[in-house]
Amino acid sequence: MTDHVAWSLRGGEWLGIFGANTAVVLPPSEKSQAAVLWELVDGGAGFEQILDVLLASGLRAVPDFVLVSRKGDVTRVLLRGSISAHFATADEIVHLDGSGDLTWVERTLTGVTRMRIDVADDDSSDELVVTAGLVRISSAEQPPSAEVVAAPDAVPEPESEVIEVEMPVLDDATRIGGVDPATLGVPLPGIGGQPPAPPVTARPVARLVVPDGKTVDVDRVVLVGRAPEPRRADAGDVPHLVAVSSPHHEISSTHLEVRPGSGADHGAAVVTDLGSTNGTLLVQPGLPPEDLKAGVAVQLLPGAVLDLGDGVTIQVVQP
């Protein structure tokens, strides 16, 4: 999937989130997740990071979803619940249905030339062609064409009018499905109400002592996790990426962020849990232990300890 390859969509009630290399489709009940996931998808987050946030409340909380991501010639798909997806390669057509699986259906495919996601009966609305956005759908297909990857015994769809549109960004989400980003979910750091992190400070405001004994200066954003990935907004500032071992996968791929504070937190470091699956415990000198709330920045005191789970702790010391 090259950048901004178009999708053809038909209107419906389900929530479709489409980016350059990733698509997420959720049922109407999951509006609380849609805004946060759109920020991740639009920011170029990787497959593992999106999955961590999608399942942050547990598998039972999201009974139906599909996540499709392509990197180079490899397409990964996770599908659960009352959703079907169909993929064509040069050698085969693969039909996936999540309704009969207790967890999810997972496949990795090579050389996908066409894909289709069906989540509800077609409402016979006009077809839209989009490159990226958050929109209500009943089906999605890539690339747009009258030729579809149909389920077995399906009847080809009649031709319909194609309306070329460029979807607005999340701030305009109220115009594309009644989603108000100000009331949905918990904002991730650096978006939706938090002051932006200073790009690079003249001197570190703190140092982190990581499990291997090395230290990391907090002079810019520091992302910690199993396999941390910068968001698009971070790319120009070159954040520090700290990968930690997690044999039991208790630590999320991009678990938490430590950054120089701004405003009332200027001159100190602040930590934010990035919607990790198992959370973060913060122990500060003279204070009771605190479970961090996803998306809420907390100022760090010298001597603080961050417990990410799986035996991994990070100590905060003065620079």
Protein backbone atom coordinates (compact mmCIF):
# COMPACT_ATOMS: atom_id res chain seq x y z
CA MET A 1 0.00 0.00 0.00
CA THR A 2 1.64 3.24 -1.04
CA ASP A 3 0.90 6.49 0.77
CA HIS A 4 -2.71 7.59 0.54
CA VAL A 5 -3.98 4.80 -1.68
CA ALA A 6 -7.71 5.44 -2.00
CA TRP A 7 -10.51 3.36 -0.49
CA SER A 8 -14.02 3.12 -1.89
CA LEU A 9 -16.61 3.15 0.89
CA ARG A 10 -20.35 2.71 1.23
CA GLY A 11 -22.16 4.54 4.02
CA GLY A 12 -23.45 2.81 7.11
CA GLU A 13 -23.30 2.89 10.92
CA TRP A 14 -19.89 1.34 11.58
CA LEU A 15 -16.81 3.51 12.22
CA GLY A 16 -14.05 3.24 9.62
CA ILE A 17 -10.62 4.75 10.31
CA PHE A 18 -8.38 4.95 7.24
CA GLY A 19 -4.76 6.03 6.93
CA ALA A 20 -1.91 5.69 4.48
CA ASN A 21 -1.04 2.12 5.45
CA THR A 22 -3.65 1.11 8.03
CA ALA A 23 -7.39 0.64 8.39
CA VAL A 24 -9.42 0.01 11.56
CA VAL A 25 -13.15 -0.71 11.54
CA LEU A 26 -15.23 -0.68 14.74
CA PRO A 27 -18.94 -1.10 15.57
CA PRO A 28 -21.09 1.98 16.32
CA SER A 29 -20.76 1.37 20.08
CA GLU A 30 -17.02 2.10 20.02
CA LYS A 31 -17.11 5.87 19.46
CA SER A 32 -15.05 6.29 22.62
CA GLN A 33 -12.12 4.58 20.86
CA ALA A 34 -12.48 6.15 17.43
CA ALA A 35 -10.91 9.56 18.11
CA VAL A 36 -7.84 8.15 19.86
CA LEU A 37 -7.30 5.50 17.19
CA TRP A 38 -7.68 8.09 14.42
CA GLU A 39 -4.87 10.14 15.97
CA LEU A 40 -2.67 7.04 15.98
CA VAL A 41 -3.52 5.99 12.43
CA ASP A 42 -3.16 9.51 11.05
CA GLY A 43 0.14 9.86 12.92
CA GLY A 44 1.57 6.77 11.23
CA ALA A 45 1.61 4.51 14.30
CA GLY A 46 2.65 0.90 13.77
CA PHE A 47 0.53 -2.24 13.91
CA GLU A 48 1.57 -3.22 17.46
CA GLN A 49 0.97 0.25 18.92
CA ILE A 50 -2.51 0.47 17.40
CA LEU A 51 -3.37 -3.02 18.65
CA ASP A 52 -2.18 -2.18 22.17
CA VAL A 53 -4.49 0.85 22.35
CA LEU A 54 -7.37 -1.02 20.70
CA LEU A 55 -7.22 -3.73 23.35
CA ALA A 56 -6.26 -1.51 26.31
CA SER A 57 -9.62 -2.20 28.00
CA GLY A 58 -9.45 -5.94 27.34
CA LEU A 59 -10.58 -8.21 24.54
CA ARG A 60 -14.13 -8.52 25.87
CA ALA A 61 -14.59 -4.76 25.62
CA VAL A 62 -14.20 -4.85 21.81
CA PRO A 63 -16.24 -7.82 20.53
CA ASP A 64 -16.04 -6.73 16.88
CA PHE A 65 -13.16 -5.11 15.01
CA VAL A 66 -10.81 -5.45 12.09
CA LEU A 67 -7.27 -4.10 11.89
CA VAL A 68 -5.46 -4.20 8.55
CA SER A 69 -1.94 -2.90 8.10
CA ARG A 70 0.45 -3.15 5.18
CA LYS A 71 4.21 -2.68 5.27
CA GLY A 72 5.91 -3.13 1.93
CA ASP A 73 4.50 -6.27 0.32
CA VAL A 74 3.26 -7.80 3.59
CA THR A 75 -0.32 -7.32 4.83
CA ARG A 76 -1.31 -8.19 8.41
CA VAL A 77 -4.94 -8.56 9.41
CA LEU A 78 -6.69 -9.20 12.74
CA LEU A 79 -10.42 -9.77 12.62
CA ARG A 80 -12.96 -10.51 15.35
CA GLY A 81 -16.74 -10.80 15.55
CA SER A 82 -19.36 -10.13 12.89
CA ILE A 83 -16.97 -8.92 10.21
CA SER A 84 -15.74 -10.55 7.01
CA ALA A 85 -12.75 -9.59 4.92
CA HIS A 86 -11.60 -10.77 1.50
CA PHE A 87 -8.13 -10.52 0.00
CA ALA A 88 -6.82 -11.26 -3.48
CA THR A 89 -3.20 -12.06 -4.29
CA ALA A 90 -1.63 -13.24 -7.53
CA ASP A 91 -2.16 -16.86 -6.40
CA GLU A 92 -5.34 -17.00 -4.34
CA ILE A 93 -8.41 -15.33 -2.88
CA VAL A 94 -8.61 -15.50 0.92
CA HIS A 95 -11.93 -15.13 2.76
CA LEU A 96 -11.83 -14.43 6.51
CA ASP A 97 -14.81 -14.44 8.90
CA GLY A 98 -14.47 -13.60 12.59
CA SER A 99 -17.89 -14.68 13.80
CA GLY A 100 -16.91 -18.25 14.66
CA ASP A 101 -13.71 -17.53 16.60
CA LEU A 102 -13.56 -16.96 20.36
CA THR A 103 -10.51 -14.69 20.17
CA TRP A 104 -9.70 -13.42 16.69
CA VAL A 105 -8.63 -14.51 13.24
CA GLU A 106 -5.10 -13.47 12.32
CA ARG A 107 -3.41 -13.81 8.94
CA THR A 108 -0.28 -12.47 7.27
CA LEU A 109 -0.50 -12.27 3.48
CA THR A 110 2.06 -11.40 0.82
CA GLY A 111 1.37 -9.60 -2.42
CA VAL A 112 -2.22 -8.49 -1.76
CA THR A 113 -3.61 -6.72 -4.82
CA ARG A 114 -7.16 -6.08 -3.60
CA MET A 115 -9.07 -6.20 -0.34
CA ARG A 116 -12.64 -5.76 0.83
CA ILE A 117 -14.11 -5.41 4.33
CA ASP A 118 -17.82 -6.06 4.96
CA VAL A 119 -19.39 -5.17 8.31
CA ALA A 120 -23.08 -4.72 7.54
CA ASP A 121 -25.64 -5.08 4.80
CA ASP A 122 -25.09 -2.56 2.02
CA ASP A 123 -27.41 0.39 2.50
CA SER A 124 -27.31 1.13 -1.27
CA SER A 125 -25.84 4.57 -0.63
CA ASP A 126 -23.55 6.25 -3.13
CA GLU A 127 -19.95 5.18 -3.11
CA LEU A 128 -17.34 7.54 -1.65
CA VAL A 129 -13.65 7.47 -2.51
CA VAL A 130 -11.35 8.62 0.29
CA THR A 131 -7.62 8.61 0.96
CA ALA A 132 -7.74 9.10 4.74
CA GLY A 133 -10.27 9.94 7.42
CA LEU A 134 -12.82 8.80 9.98
CA VAL A 135 -16.16 7.97 8.41
CA ARG A 136 -19.31 5.86 8.90
CA ILE A 137 -19.33 2.81 6.63
CA SER A 138 -20.95 -0.52 5.80
CA SER A 139 -18.13 -1.75 3.55
CA ALA A 140 -14.69 -0.69 2.33
CA GLU A 141 -12.64 -1.75 -0.66
CA GLN A 142 -9.14 -1.01 -1.91
CA PRO A 143 -8.32 -0.06 -4.57
CA PRO A 144 -11.61 1.46 -5.78
CA SER A 145 -12.97 -0.41 -8.78
CA ALA A 146 -16.11 -1.90 -10.20
CA GLU A 147 -14.29 -5.21 -9.89
CA VAL A 148 -14.55 -6.48 -6.29
CA VAL A 149 -13.11 -9.25 -4.19
CA ALA A 150 -16.47 -10.83 -3.54
CA ALA A 151 -17.40 -13.44 -1.00
CA PRO A 152 -18.25 -16.87 -2.46
CA ASP A 153 -21.42 -16.86 -4.59
CA ALA A 154 -21.74 -13.09 -4.23
CA VAL A 155 -23.48 -11.19 -7.00
CA PRO A 156 -21.39 -8.36 -8.52
CA GLU A 157 -22.55 -4.97 -7.31
CA PRO A 158 -24.14 -2.56 -9.76
CA GLU A 159 -22.07 0.40 -10.84
CA SER A 160 -22.59 3.49 -8.72
CA GLU A 161 -21.63 7.11 -8.78
CA VAL A 162 -18.14 7.76 -7.39
CA ILE A 163 -17.69 11.06 -5.55
CA GLU A 164 -14.08 12.14 -5.06
CA VAL A 165 -13.59 13.70 -1.62
CA GLU A 166 -10.69 14.44 0.71
CA MET A 167 -11.75 13.60 4.26
CA PRO A 168 -11.28 16.30 6.92
CA VAL A 169 -9.02 15.78 9.88
CA LEU A 170 -10.28 14.81 13.31
CA ASP A 171 -11.09 18.37 14.39
CA ASP A 172 -13.87 18.25 11.84
CA ALA A 173 -15.00 14.77 12.87
CA THR A 174 -18.42 16.06 13.87
CA ARG A 175 -19.11 16.46 10.15
CA ILE A 176 -18.27 12.84 9.30
CA GLY A 177 -20.39 10.77 11.64
CA GLY A 178 -21.39 12.77 14.67
CA VAL A 179 -18.11 12.12 16.50
CA ASP A 180 -17.07 14.92 18.84
CA PRO A 181 -13.35 14.51 19.56
CA ALA A 182 -13.61 16.70 22.64
CA THR A 183 -15.82 14.12 24.35
CA LEU A 184 -14.34 10.85 23.15
CA GLY A 185 -11.80 8.83 25.09
CA VAL A 186 -8.67 10.14 26.78
CA PRO A 187 -6.36 12.27 24.64
CA LEU A 188 -2.84 11.04 24.06
CA PRO A 189 0.09 13.28 25.03
CA GLY A 190 0.70 16.19 22.70
CA ILE A 191 -2.87 16.20 21.33
CA GLY A 192 -6.29 17.44 22.33
CA GLY A 193 -5.62 19.92 25.16
CA GLN A 194 -2.18 19.13 26.49
CA PRO A 195 0.58 21.70 25.93
CA PRO A 196 3.10 20.47 23.36
CA ALA A 197 6.40 19.14 24.62
CA PRO A 198 9.39 21.43 24.06
CA PRO A 199 11.26 19.99 21.05
CA VAL A 200 14.69 19.89 22.72
CA THR A 201 15.70 21.59 25.97
CA ALA A 202 19.06 23.26 26.53
CA ARG A 203 19.80 20.82 29.33
CA PRO A 204 18.05 17.65 30.54
CA VAL A 205 15.37 18.16 33.19
CA ALA A 206 15.91 14.62 34.52
CA ARG A 207 17.66 11.35 33.75
CA LEU A 208 16.12 7.89 33.50
CA VAL A 209 18.02 4.86 34.76
CA VAL A 210 16.82 1.95 32.62
CA PRO A 211 17.06 -1.77 33.51
CA ASP A 212 20.43 -2.35 31.82
CA GLY A 213 21.96 0.40 33.99
CA LYS A 214 22.27 2.95 31.20
CA THR A 215 20.92 6.47 31.60
CA VAL A 216 18.75 8.47 29.20
CA ASP A 217 18.58 12.25 29.35
CA VAL A 218 15.11 13.77 29.38
CA ASP A 219 15.99 16.67 27.10
CA ARG A 220 13.21 15.79 24.65
CA VAL A 221 10.45 13.20 24.35
CA VAL A 222 11.47 9.74 25.55
CA LEU A 223 9.29 6.80 24.45
CA VAL A 224 9.58 3.53 26.38
CA GLY A 225 8.15 0.12 25.49
CA ARG A 226 8.81 -3.30 23.95
CA ALA A 227 9.33 -1.78 20.52
CA PRO A 228 8.62 1.96 20.76
CA GLU A 229 7.72 3.85 17.61
CA PRO A 230 7.57 7.64 17.19
CA ARG A 231 4.35 9.27 16.10
CA ARG A 232 4.47 11.44 12.99
CA ALA A 233 4.44 14.54 15.20
CA ASP A 234 7.54 13.25 17.02
CA ALA A 235 9.56 12.47 13.90
CA GLY A 236 11.02 15.96 13.39
CA ASP A 237 12.20 16.13 17.02
CA VAL A 238 13.93 12.71 16.98
CA PRO A 239 12.65 11.33 20.30
CA HIS A 240 14.75 8.97 22.40
CA LEU A 241 13.44 5.40 21.93
CA VAL A 242 14.04 3.03 24.86
CA ALA A 243 13.27 -0.64 24.16
CA VAL A 244 12.88 -2.90 27.20
CA SER A 245 12.56 -6.66 27.42
CA SER A 246 9.10 -8.07 28.21
CA PRO A 247 9.12 -11.88 28.02
CA HIS A 248 5.45 -12.14 29.03
CA HIS A 249 4.30 -9.23 26.84
CA GLU A 250 3.03 -7.33 29.88
CA ILE A 251 4.65 -4.16 28.52
CA SER A 252 3.04 -2.50 25.50
CA SER A 253 5.01 -1.78 22.35
CA THR A 254 4.97 1.98 23.07
CA HIS A 255 4.07 1.94 26.76
CA LEU A 256 4.77 5.39 28.14
CA GLU A 257 6.24 8.80 27.39
CA VAL A 258 8.54 10.95 29.53
CA ARG A 259 9.13 14.51 28.36
CA PRO A 260 10.21 17.94 29.57
CA GLY A 261 7.26 19.68 31.14
CA SER A 262 5.71 22.94 30.02
CA GLY A 263 3.58 25.56 31.74
CA ALA A 264 3.31 24.74 35.44
CA ASP A 265 5.59 21.73 34.89
CA HIS A 266 8.39 23.76 33.26
CA GLY A 267 11.83 22.60 34.44
CA ALA A 268 10.59 19.15 35.48
CA ALA A 269 9.96 15.89 33.67
CA VAL A 270 6.42 14.57 33.21
CA VAL A 271 5.31 11.01 32.48
CA THR A 272 2.23 9.86 30.57
CA ASP A 273 0.97 6.31 30.13
CA LEU A 274 0.09 5.92 26.44
CA GLY A 275 -2.93 3.68 26.94
CA SER A 276 -0.80 0.63 27.77
CA THR A 277 -2.53 -2.72 28.18
CA ASN A 278 -1.43 -3.41 31.76
CA GLY A 279 -0.78 0.13 33.00
CA THR A 280 2.08 1.83 34.85
CA LEU A 281 2.65 2.13 38.60
CA LEU A 282 4.39 5.32 39.77
CA VAL A 283 6.10 5.42 43.17
CA GLN A 284 7.28 8.90 44.21
CA PRO A 285 9.25 9.83 47.34
CA GLY A 286 6.89 10.71 50.20
CA LEU A 287 3.75 9.88 48.18
CA PRO A 288 1.55 6.76 47.98
CA PRO A 289 1.91 4.54 44.86
CA GLU A 290 -0.18 5.79 41.95
CA ASP A 291 -1.58 3.93 38.95
CA LEU A 292 -1.15 6.30 36.01
CA LYS A 293 -4.28 7.14 34.04
CA ALA A 294 -3.86 6.81 30.29
CA GLY A 295 -3.24 10.16 28.65
CA VAL A 296 -2.82 12.10 31.93
CA ALA A 297 0.61 13.70 32.45
CA VAL A 298 2.11 13.54 35.98
CA GLN A 299 5.14 15.51 37.14
CA LEU A 300 8.06 13.34 38.22
CA LEU A 301 10.10 13.95 41.40
CA PRO A 302 13.77 12.97 41.67
CA GLY A 303 13.90 9.43 43.05
CA ALA A 304 10.60 8.39 41.46
CA VAL A 305 10.30 4.82 40.17
CA LEU A 306 8.17 3.76 37.21
CA ASP A 307 7.02 0.11 37.28
CA LEU A 308 5.99 -1.05 33.79
CA GLY A 309 5.38 -4.69 34.76
CA ASP A 310 7.28 -7.84 33.77
CA GLY A 311 9.97 -6.91 36.32
CA VAL A 312 10.90 -3.70 34.47
CA THR A 313 11.40 -0.54 36.54
CA ILE A 314 12.84 2.83 35.56
CA GLN A 315 14.28 5.25 38.14
CA VAL A 316 14.14 9.03 37.76
CA VAL A 317 17.25 10.88 38.96
CA GLN A 318 18.50 14.44 38.84
CA PRO A 319 20.59 15.31 35.74
